[in-house]
């Protein structure tokens, strides 16, 4: 019994420590963006870099942990927008705006997750510059696409091939939001409201025609 209690205490302490390290990493990313380094994160957490590596393995492991943390929060916000008590067009616009508002509010976090090599000094390469953004960001976008596809299939009646179509839509919408949001965040060619309205116009044709599924406790899509 005492051994079990000791193991549980150790597990709880390890989880708390990992959460504290991720919070320290968040602070550094908010400050430094894509240039956030393992050295800076270790210093912020008050530990040595070998201890940081012990928890996450390498920068890729830390990236995956931060990506999960922020993707979970974003998905929760997107679901809330999708399930708000409003007309479907308003919920489509609210969902798009939620994504854009998130990357606008924390652009350094977005750039760290999607463009972690930006700002690297080519004249002074470091081991961390070998970080492969595509290998790590692609699973993040794939997860968002799968989750959105599941939300659509649960809420929209797309007919006999609805499940396959919902997955196509989920990945297509995420790709559209990512590409348009990346361009908008960098160039600011228009207001957020104008971008949301224009993207909603692009999506609206088939969405306006599809019927709602009976979703217990909330609206359709």
N, C-alpha and C. Protein backbone atom coordinates (compact mmCIF):
# COMPACT_ATOMS: atom_id res chain seq x y z
N UNK A 1 0.83 -1.21 0.00
CA UNK A 1 0.00 0.00 0.00
C UNK A 1 0.87 1.26 0.00
N UNK A 2 1.90 1.27 0.85
CA UNK A 2 2.79 2.42 0.95
C UNK A 2 3.54 2.63 -0.37
N UNK A 3 3.91 1.51 -1.02
CA UNK A 3 4.60 1.60 -2.30
C UNK A 3 3.71 2.26 -3.35
N UNK A 4 2.42 1.87 -3.35
CA UNK A 4 1.46 2.45 -4.29
C UNK A 4 1.29 3.94 -4.05
N UNK A 5 1.19 4.32 -2.76
CA UNK A 5 1.05 5.75 -2.43
C UNK A 5 2.28 6.52 -2.88
N UNK A 6 3.46 5.93 -2.65
CA UNK A 6 4.70 6.59 -3.04
C UNK A 6 4.77 6.78 -4.55
N UNK A 7 4.35 5.76 -5.30
CA UNK A 7 4.36 5.85 -6.77
C UNK A 7 3.39 6.92 -7.25
N UNK A 8 2.22 7.00 -6.61
CA UNK A 8 1.24 8.02 -6.99
C UNK A 8 1.76 9.41 -6.70
N UNK A 9 2.42 9.59 -5.55
CA UNK A 9 3.00 10.90 -5.22
C UNK A 9 4.07 11.29 -6.24
N UNK A 10 4.90 10.32 -6.62
CA UNK A 10 5.95 10.60 -7.59
C UNK A 10 5.36 10.97 -8.95
N UNK A 11 4.30 10.26 -9.35
CA UNK A 11 3.65 10.55 -10.62
C UNK A 11 3.03 11.94 -10.61
N UNK A 12 2.36 12.27 -9.49
CA UNK A 12 1.74 13.59 -9.37
C UNK A 12 2.79 14.69 -9.40
N UNK A 13 3.90 14.46 -8.71
CA UNK A 13 4.98 15.45 -8.68
C UNK A 13 5.59 15.63 -10.07
N UNK A 14 5.75 14.52 -10.80
CA UNK A 14 6.32 14.60 -12.15
C UNK A 14 5.39 15.36 -13.09
N UNK A 15 4.07 15.12 -12.97
CA UNK A 15 3.10 15.83 -13.81
C UNK A 15 3.10 17.32 -13.50
N UNK A 16 3.18 17.63 -12.19
CA UNK A 16 3.21 19.04 -11.80
C UNK A 16 4.47 19.72 -12.34
N UNK A 17 5.60 19.03 -12.26
CA UNK A 17 6.87 19.59 -12.73
C UNK A 17 6.83 19.79 -14.24
N UNK A 18 6.26 18.83 -14.94
CA UNK A 18 6.16 18.95 -16.40
C UNK A 18 5.28 20.15 -16.77
N UNK A 19 4.18 20.32 -16.04
CA UNK A 19 3.30 21.47 -16.29
C UNK A 19 4.04 22.78 -16.03
N UNK A 20 4.83 22.84 -14.98
CA UNK A 20 5.61 24.04 -14.67
C UNK A 20 6.63 24.33 -15.77
N UNK A 21 7.24 23.28 -16.30
CA UNK A 21 8.22 23.46 -17.38
C UNK A 21 7.54 23.97 -18.65
N UNK A 22 6.35 23.45 -18.94
CA UNK A 22 5.62 23.93 -20.11
C UNK A 22 5.20 25.38 -19.94
N UNK A 23 4.84 25.76 -18.74
CA UNK A 23 4.49 27.17 -18.49
C UNK A 23 5.71 28.07 -18.67
N UNK A 24 6.87 27.60 -18.23
CA UNK A 24 8.11 28.35 -18.45
C UNK A 24 8.41 28.45 -19.94
N UNK A 25 8.20 27.35 -20.66
CA UNK A 25 8.42 27.36 -22.11
C UNK A 25 7.47 28.34 -22.79
N UNK A 26 6.22 28.38 -22.34
CA UNK A 26 5.26 29.33 -22.90
C UNK A 26 5.73 30.77 -22.72
N UNK A 27 6.25 31.08 -21.54
CA UNK A 27 6.72 32.45 -21.28
C UNK A 27 7.86 32.82 -22.23
N UNK A 28 8.77 31.90 -22.46
CA UNK A 28 9.89 32.17 -23.36
C UNK A 28 9.41 32.30 -24.80
N UNK A 29 8.49 31.43 -25.21
CA UNK A 29 7.95 31.49 -26.57
C UNK A 29 7.21 32.81 -26.79
N UNK A 30 6.43 33.25 -25.81
CA UNK A 30 5.73 34.53 -25.93
C UNK A 30 6.71 35.69 -26.07
N UNK A 31 7.87 35.56 -25.45
CA UNK A 31 8.89 36.61 -25.52
C UNK A 31 9.75 36.51 -26.79
N UNK A 32 10.17 35.29 -27.14
CA UNK A 32 11.17 35.10 -28.20
C UNK A 32 10.62 34.54 -29.49
N UNK A 33 9.40 33.99 -29.47
CA UNK A 33 8.83 33.42 -30.67
C UNK A 33 9.66 32.28 -31.22
N UNK A 34 9.87 32.23 -32.55
CA UNK A 34 10.58 31.12 -33.16
C UNK A 34 12.03 30.98 -32.68
N UNK A 35 12.58 32.05 -32.11
CA UNK A 35 13.97 31.99 -31.64
C UNK A 35 14.09 31.40 -30.24
N UNK A 36 12.99 31.00 -29.64
CA UNK A 36 13.04 30.38 -28.32
C UNK A 36 13.96 29.16 -28.35
N UNK A 37 14.88 29.09 -27.42
CA UNK A 37 15.85 28.00 -27.40
C UNK A 37 15.70 27.16 -26.14
N UNK A 38 16.23 25.97 -26.19
CA UNK A 38 16.21 25.11 -25.02
C UNK A 38 17.01 25.74 -23.88
N UNK A 39 18.09 26.45 -24.19
CA UNK A 39 18.88 27.14 -23.16
C UNK A 39 18.04 28.19 -22.44
N UNK A 40 17.29 28.99 -23.23
CA UNK A 40 16.48 30.05 -22.64
C UNK A 40 15.35 29.47 -21.80
N UNK A 41 14.76 28.39 -22.28
CA UNK A 41 13.66 27.77 -21.54
C UNK A 41 14.17 27.16 -20.24
N UNK A 42 15.32 26.50 -20.28
CA UNK A 42 15.91 25.92 -19.07
C UNK A 42 16.21 27.03 -18.07
N UNK A 43 16.75 28.15 -18.55
CA UNK A 43 17.07 29.26 -17.65
C UNK A 43 15.80 29.83 -17.03
N UNK A 44 14.75 29.98 -17.82
CA UNK A 44 13.47 30.50 -17.32
C UNK A 44 12.90 29.58 -16.24
N UNK A 45 13.08 28.27 -16.43
CA UNK A 45 12.56 27.29 -15.47
C UNK A 45 13.47 27.11 -14.26
N UNK A 46 14.67 27.70 -14.31
CA UNK A 46 15.61 27.58 -13.18
C UNK A 46 16.24 26.21 -13.09
N UNK A 47 16.44 25.57 -14.25
CA UNK A 47 17.07 24.24 -14.27
C UNK A 47 18.17 24.23 -15.32
N UNK A 48 18.91 23.14 -15.39
CA UNK A 48 19.91 22.99 -16.43
C UNK A 48 19.28 22.36 -17.66
N UNK A 49 19.94 22.54 -18.80
CA UNK A 49 19.38 21.98 -20.04
C UNK A 49 19.29 20.45 -19.99
N UNK A 50 20.27 19.72 -19.40
CA UNK A 50 20.10 18.26 -19.33
C UNK A 50 18.82 17.82 -18.60
N UNK A 51 18.41 18.58 -17.59
CA UNK A 51 17.16 18.23 -16.89
C UNK A 51 15.97 18.46 -17.81
N UNK A 52 16.01 19.54 -18.60
CA UNK A 52 14.94 19.79 -19.56
C UNK A 52 14.87 18.66 -20.59
N UNK A 53 16.02 18.23 -21.06
CA UNK A 53 16.06 17.12 -22.01
C UNK A 53 15.52 15.84 -21.38
N UNK A 54 15.75 15.67 -20.09
CA UNK A 54 15.27 14.47 -19.41
C UNK A 54 13.73 14.40 -19.46
N UNK A 55 13.09 15.56 -19.41
CA UNK A 55 11.63 15.60 -19.44
C UNK A 55 11.07 15.47 -20.85
N UNK A 56 11.74 16.08 -21.86
CA UNK A 56 11.15 16.16 -23.20
C UNK A 56 11.98 15.49 -24.30
N UNK A 57 13.19 15.10 -23.99
CA UNK A 57 14.02 14.41 -24.97
C UNK A 57 14.83 15.36 -25.83
N UNK A 58 14.16 16.22 -26.60
CA UNK A 58 14.82 17.20 -27.46
C UNK A 58 13.83 18.32 -27.76
N UNK A 59 14.22 19.24 -28.65
CA UNK A 59 13.32 20.35 -28.96
C UNK A 59 12.04 19.84 -29.63
N UNK A 60 12.15 18.74 -30.40
CA UNK A 60 10.96 18.17 -31.01
C UNK A 60 9.97 17.68 -29.97
N UNK A 61 10.48 17.06 -28.90
CA UNK A 61 9.60 16.59 -27.83
C UNK A 61 8.92 17.74 -27.12
N UNK A 62 9.67 18.83 -26.89
CA UNK A 62 9.08 20.02 -26.26
C UNK A 62 8.05 20.64 -27.20
N UNK A 63 8.37 20.71 -28.49
CA UNK A 63 7.43 21.25 -29.47
C UNK A 63 6.12 20.46 -29.44
N UNK A 64 6.21 19.14 -29.45
CA UNK A 64 4.99 18.32 -29.47
C UNK A 64 4.14 18.56 -28.22
N UNK A 65 4.81 18.70 -27.06
CA UNK A 65 4.08 18.95 -25.82
C UNK A 65 3.38 20.31 -25.86
N UNK A 66 4.08 21.34 -26.36
CA UNK A 66 3.47 22.67 -26.46
C UNK A 66 2.36 22.68 -27.52
N UNK A 67 2.59 21.96 -28.63
CA UNK A 67 1.58 21.90 -29.68
C UNK A 67 0.29 21.28 -29.15
N UNK A 68 0.41 20.20 -28.39
CA UNK A 68 -0.77 19.56 -27.81
C UNK A 68 -1.48 20.51 -26.86
N UNK A 69 -0.72 21.19 -26.04
CA UNK A 69 -1.29 22.12 -25.06
C UNK A 69 -2.11 23.21 -25.75
N UNK A 70 -1.56 23.80 -26.81
CA UNK A 70 -2.24 24.90 -27.49
C UNK A 70 -3.34 24.39 -28.42
N UNK A 71 -3.13 23.22 -29.03
CA UNK A 71 -4.17 22.67 -29.90
C UNK A 71 -5.39 22.28 -29.08
N UNK A 72 -5.18 21.70 -27.90
CA UNK A 72 -6.32 21.36 -27.03
C UNK A 72 -7.15 22.60 -26.71
N UNK A 73 -6.45 23.69 -26.36
CA UNK A 73 -7.16 24.93 -26.02
C UNK A 73 -7.91 25.49 -27.23
N UNK A 74 -7.26 25.43 -28.42
CA UNK A 74 -7.90 25.94 -29.63
C UNK A 74 -9.12 25.11 -29.99
N UNK A 75 -9.01 23.79 -29.92
CA UNK A 75 -10.14 22.92 -30.24
C UNK A 75 -11.31 23.16 -29.30
N UNK A 76 -11.03 23.39 -28.04
CA UNK A 76 -12.09 23.67 -27.08
C UNK A 76 -12.81 24.97 -27.46
N UNK A 77 -12.05 25.99 -27.86
CA UNK A 77 -12.66 27.26 -28.26
C UNK A 77 -13.46 27.11 -29.56
N UNK A 78 -12.93 26.32 -30.50
CA UNK A 78 -13.65 26.11 -31.77
C UNK A 78 -14.96 25.37 -31.55
N UNK A 79 -14.94 24.35 -30.67
CA UNK A 79 -16.18 23.62 -30.37
C UNK A 79 -17.22 24.55 -29.74
N UNK A 80 -16.76 25.42 -28.85
CA UNK A 80 -17.68 26.36 -28.20
C UNK A 80 -18.32 27.28 -29.24
N UNK A 81 -17.52 27.73 -30.22
CA UNK A 81 -18.07 28.60 -31.28
C UNK A 81 -19.06 27.83 -32.14
N UNK A 82 -18.75 26.57 -32.44
CA UNK A 82 -19.64 25.77 -33.28
C UNK A 82 -20.96 25.45 -32.59
N UNK A 83 -20.93 25.35 -31.27
CA UNK A 83 -22.12 24.95 -30.52
C UNK A 83 -22.89 26.13 -29.91
N UNK A 84 -22.47 27.33 -30.25
CA UNK A 84 -23.17 28.51 -29.71
C UNK A 84 -24.60 28.56 -30.24
N UNK A 85 -25.53 29.09 -29.44
CA UNK A 85 -26.94 29.18 -29.88
C UNK A 85 -27.13 30.33 -30.86
N UNK A 86 -26.83 30.05 -32.13
CA UNK A 86 -26.94 31.09 -33.16
C UNK A 86 -27.25 30.42 -34.50
N UNK A 87 -27.59 31.23 -35.49
CA UNK A 87 -27.82 30.70 -36.84
C UNK A 87 -26.52 30.12 -37.40
N UNK A 88 -26.66 29.19 -38.35
CA UNK A 88 -25.49 28.49 -38.86
C UNK A 88 -24.45 29.44 -39.44
N UNK A 89 -24.86 30.42 -40.24
CA UNK A 89 -23.90 31.34 -40.85
C UNK A 89 -23.11 32.07 -39.75
N UNK A 90 -23.81 32.48 -38.70
CA UNK A 90 -23.13 33.17 -37.60
C UNK A 90 -22.12 32.26 -36.92
N UNK A 91 -22.46 30.97 -36.80
CA UNK A 91 -21.53 30.03 -36.16
C UNK A 91 -20.33 29.73 -37.05
N UNK A 92 -20.55 29.69 -38.37
CA UNK A 92 -19.42 29.53 -39.30
C UNK A 92 -18.45 30.69 -39.14
N UNK A 93 -19.00 31.90 -39.12
CA UNK A 93 -18.15 33.09 -38.98
C UNK A 93 -17.46 33.11 -37.61
N UNK A 94 -18.19 32.72 -36.56
CA UNK A 94 -17.60 32.71 -35.22
C UNK A 94 -16.45 31.70 -35.13
N UNK A 95 -16.59 30.57 -35.81
CA UNK A 95 -15.54 29.55 -35.79
C UNK A 95 -14.29 30.06 -36.50
N UNK A 96 -14.47 30.65 -37.67
CA UNK A 96 -13.33 31.24 -38.38
C UNK A 96 -12.68 32.34 -37.56
N UNK A 97 -13.50 33.19 -36.95
CA UNK A 97 -12.97 34.30 -36.17
C UNK A 97 -12.23 33.80 -34.92
N UNK A 98 -12.71 32.71 -34.33
CA UNK A 98 -12.03 32.15 -33.16
C UNK A 98 -10.61 31.74 -33.50
N UNK A 99 -10.44 31.08 -34.64
CA UNK A 99 -9.10 30.67 -35.07
C UNK A 99 -8.21 31.89 -35.31
N UNK A 100 -8.72 32.85 -36.08
CA UNK A 100 -7.92 34.04 -36.41
C UNK A 100 -7.60 34.86 -35.17
N UNK A 101 -8.56 34.98 -34.26
CA UNK A 101 -8.33 35.72 -33.02
C UNK A 101 -7.25 35.06 -32.19
N UNK A 102 -7.22 33.72 -32.20
CA UNK A 102 -6.22 32.99 -31.41
C UNK A 102 -4.82 33.25 -31.93
N UNK A 103 -4.62 33.21 -33.25
CA UNK A 103 -3.27 33.44 -33.77
C UNK A 103 -2.89 34.91 -33.69
N UNK A 104 -3.90 35.80 -33.75
CA UNK A 104 -3.61 37.22 -33.63
C UNK A 104 -3.22 37.58 -32.20
N UNK A 105 -3.86 36.94 -31.23
CA UNK A 105 -3.60 37.25 -29.82
C UNK A 105 -2.22 36.77 -29.37
N UNK A 106 -1.75 35.65 -29.95
CA UNK A 106 -0.45 35.09 -29.54
C UNK A 106 0.37 34.77 -30.78
N UNK A 107 0.75 35.80 -31.54
CA UNK A 107 1.48 35.55 -32.80
C UNK A 107 2.82 34.87 -32.59
N UNK A 108 3.48 35.14 -31.47
CA UNK A 108 4.78 34.49 -31.24
C UNK A 108 4.60 32.99 -31.04
N UNK A 109 3.54 32.60 -30.35
CA UNK A 109 3.26 31.17 -30.17
C UNK A 109 2.96 30.53 -31.51
N UNK A 110 2.14 31.20 -32.31
CA UNK A 110 1.81 30.68 -33.64
C UNK A 110 3.07 30.50 -34.47
N UNK A 111 3.93 31.52 -34.47
CA UNK A 111 5.15 31.43 -35.29
C UNK A 111 6.09 30.35 -34.79
N UNK A 112 6.14 30.16 -33.47
CA UNK A 112 6.97 29.08 -32.93
C UNK A 112 6.46 27.72 -33.40
N UNK A 113 5.13 27.56 -33.41
CA UNK A 113 4.55 26.27 -33.79
C UNK A 113 4.62 26.02 -35.29
N UNK A 114 4.43 27.07 -36.09
CA UNK A 114 4.35 26.89 -37.53
C UNK A 114 5.62 27.30 -38.29
N UNK A 115 6.41 28.18 -37.70
CA UNK A 115 7.63 28.65 -38.35
C UNK A 115 8.79 28.70 -37.36
N UNK A 116 9.12 27.58 -36.71
CA UNK A 116 10.12 27.62 -35.64
C UNK A 116 11.53 27.95 -36.09
N UNK A 117 11.82 27.91 -37.40
CA UNK A 117 13.16 28.25 -37.85
C UNK A 117 13.29 29.72 -38.25
N UNK A 118 12.18 30.48 -38.22
CA UNK A 118 12.25 31.90 -38.58
C UNK A 118 13.21 32.63 -37.66
N UNK A 119 13.99 33.52 -38.23
CA UNK A 119 14.89 34.34 -37.42
C UNK A 119 16.18 33.65 -37.06
N UNK A 120 16.38 32.41 -37.51
CA UNK A 120 17.63 31.73 -37.20
C UNK A 120 18.79 32.42 -37.90
N UNK A 121 19.93 32.46 -37.26
CA UNK A 121 21.12 33.12 -37.78
C UNK A 121 21.90 32.11 -38.62
N UNK A 122 21.83 32.26 -39.96
CA UNK A 122 22.51 31.31 -40.83
C UNK A 122 24.02 31.34 -40.66
N UNK A 123 24.54 32.48 -40.19
CA UNK A 123 25.99 32.59 -40.04
C UNK A 123 26.48 31.86 -38.80
N UNK A 124 25.59 31.56 -37.90
CA UNK A 124 26.00 30.89 -36.65
C UNK A 124 25.06 29.74 -36.36
N UNK A 125 25.16 28.66 -37.14
CA UNK A 125 24.23 27.55 -36.94
C UNK A 125 24.41 26.87 -35.60
N UNK A 126 23.30 26.33 -35.08
CA UNK A 126 23.34 25.59 -33.82
C UNK A 126 22.64 24.26 -34.04
N UNK A 127 22.80 23.31 -33.13
CA UNK A 127 22.14 22.02 -33.29
C UNK A 127 20.63 22.14 -33.41
N UNK A 128 20.04 23.16 -32.75
CA UNK A 128 18.59 23.30 -32.78
C UNK A 128 18.07 23.78 -34.14
N UNK A 129 18.95 24.30 -35.01
CA UNK A 129 18.50 24.79 -36.30
C UNK A 129 18.12 23.65 -37.25
N UNK A 130 18.46 22.42 -36.91
CA UNK A 130 18.09 21.30 -37.73
C UNK A 130 16.65 20.86 -37.51
N UNK A 131 15.92 21.58 -36.70
CA UNK A 131 14.53 21.26 -36.37
C UNK A 131 13.67 21.28 -37.62
N UNK A 132 12.98 20.19 -37.90
CA UNK A 132 12.18 20.04 -39.11
C UNK A 132 10.74 20.44 -38.85
N UNK A 133 10.37 21.67 -39.27
CA UNK A 133 9.03 22.18 -38.98
C UNK A 133 7.95 21.32 -39.63
N UNK A 134 8.17 20.90 -40.89
CA UNK A 134 7.15 20.14 -41.58
C UNK A 134 6.81 18.84 -40.87
N UNK A 135 7.84 18.16 -40.34
CA UNK A 135 7.62 16.87 -39.69
C UNK A 135 6.79 17.04 -38.43
N UNK A 136 6.85 18.21 -37.80
CA UNK A 136 6.13 18.41 -36.54
C UNK A 136 4.82 19.16 -36.71
N UNK A 137 4.76 20.14 -37.63
CA UNK A 137 3.52 20.90 -37.78
C UNK A 137 2.46 20.13 -38.56
N UNK A 138 2.88 19.24 -39.46
CA UNK A 138 1.90 18.49 -40.25
C UNK A 138 0.96 17.66 -39.36
N UNK A 139 1.46 16.93 -38.34
CA UNK A 139 0.54 16.21 -37.47
C UNK A 139 -0.42 17.12 -36.72
N UNK A 140 0.04 18.33 -36.37
CA UNK A 140 -0.83 19.28 -35.67
C UNK A 140 -2.01 19.66 -36.57
N UNK A 141 -1.72 20.00 -37.84
CA UNK A 141 -2.79 20.36 -38.78
C UNK A 141 -3.68 19.17 -39.09
N UNK A 142 -3.07 17.98 -39.17
CA UNK A 142 -3.87 16.78 -39.43
C UNK A 142 -4.84 16.53 -38.28
N UNK A 143 -4.37 16.73 -37.05
CA UNK A 143 -5.26 16.52 -35.90
C UNK A 143 -6.42 17.51 -35.94
N UNK A 144 -6.13 18.77 -36.24
CA UNK A 144 -7.20 19.76 -36.33
C UNK A 144 -8.20 19.38 -37.42
N UNK A 145 -7.71 18.88 -38.56
CA UNK A 145 -8.59 18.49 -39.64
C UNK A 145 -9.49 17.32 -39.26
N UNK A 146 -8.91 16.31 -38.59
CA UNK A 146 -9.70 15.16 -38.17
C UNK A 146 -10.76 15.55 -37.15
N UNK A 147 -10.37 16.39 -36.19
CA UNK A 147 -11.31 16.82 -35.16
C UNK A 147 -12.45 17.63 -35.76
N UNK A 148 -12.14 18.54 -36.68
CA UNK A 148 -13.19 19.34 -37.30
C UNK A 148 -14.09 18.46 -38.16
N UNK A 149 -13.52 17.49 -38.86
CA UNK A 149 -14.33 16.55 -39.64
C UNK A 149 -15.31 15.80 -38.77
N UNK A 150 -14.86 15.40 -37.57
CA UNK A 150 -15.75 14.69 -36.65
C UNK A 150 -16.89 15.59 -36.18
N UNK A 151 -16.56 16.84 -35.91
CA UNK A 151 -17.60 17.80 -35.50
C UNK A 151 -18.64 17.96 -36.61
N UNK A 152 -18.18 18.04 -37.86
CA UNK A 152 -19.10 18.22 -38.98
C UNK A 152 -20.00 17.00 -39.15
N UNK A 153 -19.41 15.79 -39.11
CA UNK A 153 -20.22 14.59 -39.33
C UNK A 153 -21.27 14.42 -38.24
N UNK A 154 -20.97 14.91 -37.04
CA UNK A 154 -21.93 14.82 -35.94
C UNK A 154 -23.07 15.83 -36.06
N UNK A 155 -22.85 16.90 -36.82
CA UNK A 155 -23.81 17.99 -36.80
C UNK A 155 -24.48 18.28 -38.14
N UNK A 156 -23.89 17.79 -39.23
CA UNK A 156 -24.42 18.12 -40.56
C UNK A 156 -24.79 16.85 -41.31
N UNK A 157 -25.97 16.83 -41.87
CA UNK A 157 -26.43 15.70 -42.67
C UNK A 157 -25.97 15.89 -44.11
N UNK A 158 -24.94 15.16 -44.51
CA UNK A 158 -24.37 15.31 -45.84
C UNK A 158 -24.73 14.15 -46.75
N UNK A 159 -25.70 13.34 -46.34
CA UNK A 159 -26.16 12.26 -47.19
C UNK A 159 -25.40 10.97 -46.99
N UNK A 160 -25.55 10.03 -47.93
CA UNK A 160 -24.99 8.67 -47.78
C UNK A 160 -23.48 8.64 -47.58
N UNK A 161 -22.75 9.52 -48.26
CA UNK A 161 -21.29 9.57 -48.13
C UNK A 161 -20.86 10.67 -47.16
N UNK A 162 -21.73 10.98 -46.20
CA UNK A 162 -21.49 12.12 -45.32
C UNK A 162 -20.22 12.03 -44.52
N UNK A 163 -19.87 10.84 -44.04
CA UNK A 163 -18.67 10.72 -43.19
C UNK A 163 -17.41 11.05 -43.98
N UNK A 164 -17.32 10.51 -45.18
CA UNK A 164 -16.14 10.80 -46.01
C UNK A 164 -16.10 12.28 -46.38
N UNK A 165 -17.25 12.84 -46.76
CA UNK A 165 -17.30 14.25 -47.14
C UNK A 165 -16.94 15.15 -45.96
N UNK A 166 -17.39 14.78 -44.75
CA UNK A 166 -17.08 15.58 -43.57
C UNK A 166 -15.58 15.61 -43.31
N UNK A 167 -14.90 14.48 -43.51
CA UNK A 167 -13.44 14.46 -43.33
C UNK A 167 -12.76 15.33 -44.37
N UNK A 168 -13.25 15.26 -45.62
CA UNK A 168 -12.69 16.12 -46.68
C UNK A 168 -12.87 17.58 -46.30
N UNK A 169 -14.08 17.93 -45.89
CA UNK A 169 -14.35 19.31 -45.49
C UNK A 169 -13.48 19.72 -44.30
N UNK A 170 -13.36 18.84 -43.30
CA UNK A 170 -12.57 19.17 -42.11
C UNK A 170 -11.15 19.54 -42.47
N UNK A 171 -10.50 18.69 -43.28
CA UNK A 171 -9.11 18.98 -43.66
C UNK A 171 -9.03 20.18 -44.60
N UNK A 172 -10.02 20.31 -45.49
CA UNK A 172 -10.02 21.44 -46.40
C UNK A 172 -10.19 22.77 -45.68
N UNK A 173 -11.10 22.80 -44.71
CA UNK A 173 -11.34 24.04 -43.96
C UNK A 173 -10.12 24.41 -43.12
N UNK A 174 -9.50 23.41 -42.48
CA UNK A 174 -8.30 23.69 -41.69
C UNK A 174 -7.18 24.20 -42.60
N UNK A 175 -7.01 23.57 -43.77
CA UNK A 175 -5.99 24.05 -44.71
C UNK A 175 -6.25 25.48 -45.14
N UNK A 176 -7.51 25.79 -45.41
CA UNK A 176 -7.89 27.14 -45.81
C UNK A 176 -7.62 28.14 -44.69
N UNK A 177 -8.06 27.79 -43.46
CA UNK A 177 -7.84 28.70 -42.33
C UNK A 177 -6.36 28.92 -42.09
N UNK A 178 -5.58 27.83 -42.17
CA UNK A 178 -4.14 27.95 -41.91
C UNK A 178 -3.47 28.83 -42.96
N UNK A 179 -3.71 28.55 -44.24
CA UNK A 179 -3.05 29.30 -45.31
C UNK A 179 -3.48 30.77 -45.30
N UNK A 180 -4.79 31.00 -45.19
CA UNK A 180 -5.28 32.38 -45.19
C UNK A 180 -4.83 33.12 -43.93
N UNK A 181 -4.87 32.43 -42.79
CA UNK A 181 -4.45 33.06 -41.54
C UNK A 181 -2.97 33.38 -41.53
N UNK A 182 -2.15 32.50 -42.09
CA UNK A 182 -0.71 32.73 -42.14
C UNK A 182 -0.40 33.96 -42.99
N UNK A 183 -1.05 34.04 -44.14
CA UNK A 183 -0.88 35.20 -45.03
C UNK A 183 -1.36 36.48 -44.36
N UNK A 184 -2.54 36.41 -43.73
CA UNK A 184 -3.13 37.60 -43.11
C UNK A 184 -2.28 38.08 -41.94
N UNK A 185 -1.79 37.16 -41.11
CA UNK A 185 -1.00 37.56 -39.94
C UNK A 185 0.30 38.24 -40.36
N UNK A 186 0.88 37.79 -41.47
CA UNK A 186 2.15 38.36 -41.93
C UNK A 186 1.96 39.69 -42.65
N UNK A 187 0.93 39.80 -43.51
CA UNK A 187 0.79 40.98 -44.38
C UNK A 187 -0.28 41.97 -43.94
N UNK A 188 -1.25 41.54 -43.14
CA UNK A 188 -2.39 42.36 -42.71
C UNK A 188 -3.00 43.13 -43.89
N UNK A 189 -3.45 42.40 -44.93
CA UNK A 189 -4.00 43.07 -46.12
C UNK A 189 -5.42 43.60 -45.93
N UNK A 190 -6.09 43.16 -44.86
CA UNK A 190 -7.47 43.59 -44.62
C UNK A 190 -7.77 43.38 -43.14
N UNK A 191 -8.95 43.81 -42.71
CA UNK A 191 -9.34 43.61 -41.33
C UNK A 191 -9.68 42.14 -41.08
N UNK A 192 -9.66 41.75 -39.83
CA UNK A 192 -10.04 40.37 -39.49
C UNK A 192 -11.48 40.12 -39.87
N UNK A 193 -12.33 41.10 -39.66
CA UNK A 193 -13.75 40.96 -39.99
C UNK A 193 -13.95 40.71 -41.48
N UNK A 194 -13.18 41.42 -42.32
CA UNK A 194 -13.31 41.25 -43.77
C UNK A 194 -12.83 39.85 -44.17
N UNK A 195 -11.76 39.39 -43.58
CA UNK A 195 -11.25 38.06 -43.91
C UNK A 195 -12.26 36.99 -43.49
N UNK A 196 -12.81 37.12 -42.30
CA UNK A 196 -13.81 36.15 -41.81
C UNK A 196 -15.01 36.10 -42.77
N UNK A 197 -15.52 37.26 -43.15
CA UNK A 197 -16.69 37.32 -44.03
C UNK A 197 -16.39 36.70 -45.39
N UNK A 198 -15.21 36.97 -45.93
CA UNK A 198 -14.84 36.45 -47.24
C UNK A 198 -14.66 34.93 -47.21
N UNK A 199 -14.04 34.41 -46.17
CA UNK A 199 -13.87 32.97 -46.05
C UNK A 199 -15.22 32.27 -45.84
N UNK A 200 -16.09 32.90 -45.05
CA UNK A 200 -17.42 32.33 -44.84
C UNK A 200 -18.20 32.29 -46.15
N UNK A 201 -18.06 33.33 -46.98
CA UNK A 201 -18.71 33.33 -48.30
C UNK A 201 -18.24 32.13 -49.13
N UNK A 202 -16.94 31.84 -49.07
CA UNK A 202 -16.37 30.73 -49.83
C UNK A 202 -16.94 29.40 -49.37
N UNK A 203 -17.16 29.25 -48.06
CA UNK A 203 -17.65 28.00 -47.49
C UNK A 203 -19.16 27.83 -47.60
N UNK A 204 -19.87 28.89 -47.79
CA UNK A 204 -21.29 28.90 -47.47
C UNK A 204 -22.17 28.09 -48.41
N UNK A 205 -21.80 27.95 -49.69
CA UNK A 205 -22.69 27.34 -50.66
C UNK A 205 -23.31 26.02 -50.23
N UNK A 206 -22.50 24.97 -50.04
CA UNK A 206 -23.05 23.66 -49.69
C UNK A 206 -23.51 23.63 -48.23
N UNK A 207 -22.85 24.37 -47.37
CA UNK A 207 -23.26 24.41 -45.96
C UNK A 207 -24.67 24.96 -45.81
N UNK A 208 -25.02 25.93 -46.64
CA UNK A 208 -26.35 26.53 -46.55
C UNK A 208 -27.44 25.52 -46.94
N UNK A 209 -27.07 24.57 -47.81
CA UNK A 209 -28.06 23.61 -48.32
C UNK A 209 -28.22 22.39 -47.42
N UNK A 210 -27.16 22.02 -46.69
CA UNK A 210 -27.17 20.77 -45.92
C UNK A 210 -28.09 20.88 -44.71
N UNK A 211 -28.70 19.75 -44.34
CA UNK A 211 -29.57 19.73 -43.17
C UNK A 211 -28.79 19.48 -41.89
N UNK A 212 -29.41 19.81 -40.76
CA UNK A 212 -28.79 19.58 -39.46
C UNK A 212 -29.06 18.16 -39.00
N UNK A 213 -28.12 17.58 -38.27
CA UNK A 213 -28.37 16.35 -37.56
C UNK A 213 -28.95 16.72 -36.19
N UNK A 214 -29.63 15.79 -35.58
CA UNK A 214 -30.21 16.02 -34.26
C UNK A 214 -29.13 15.83 -33.22
N UNK A 215 -28.57 16.95 -32.73
CA UNK A 215 -27.50 16.91 -31.73
C UNK A 215 -28.10 17.21 -30.38
N UNK A 216 -28.07 16.24 -29.49
CA UNK A 216 -28.68 16.40 -28.17
C UNK A 216 -27.95 17.48 -27.38
N UNK A 217 -28.71 18.43 -26.86
CA UNK A 217 -28.12 19.44 -25.98
C UNK A 217 -27.53 20.63 -26.70
N UNK A 218 -27.66 20.70 -28.02
CA UNK A 218 -27.09 21.84 -28.72
C UNK A 218 -27.61 21.94 -30.13
N UNK A 219 -27.23 23.01 -30.86
CA UNK A 219 -27.69 23.18 -32.22
C UNK A 219 -26.94 22.27 -33.16
N UNK A 220 -27.39 22.20 -34.41
CA UNK A 220 -26.62 21.53 -35.44
C UNK A 220 -25.47 22.43 -35.83
N UNK A 221 -25.00 22.27 -37.04
CA UNK A 221 -23.91 23.14 -37.49
C UNK A 221 -24.47 24.18 -38.45
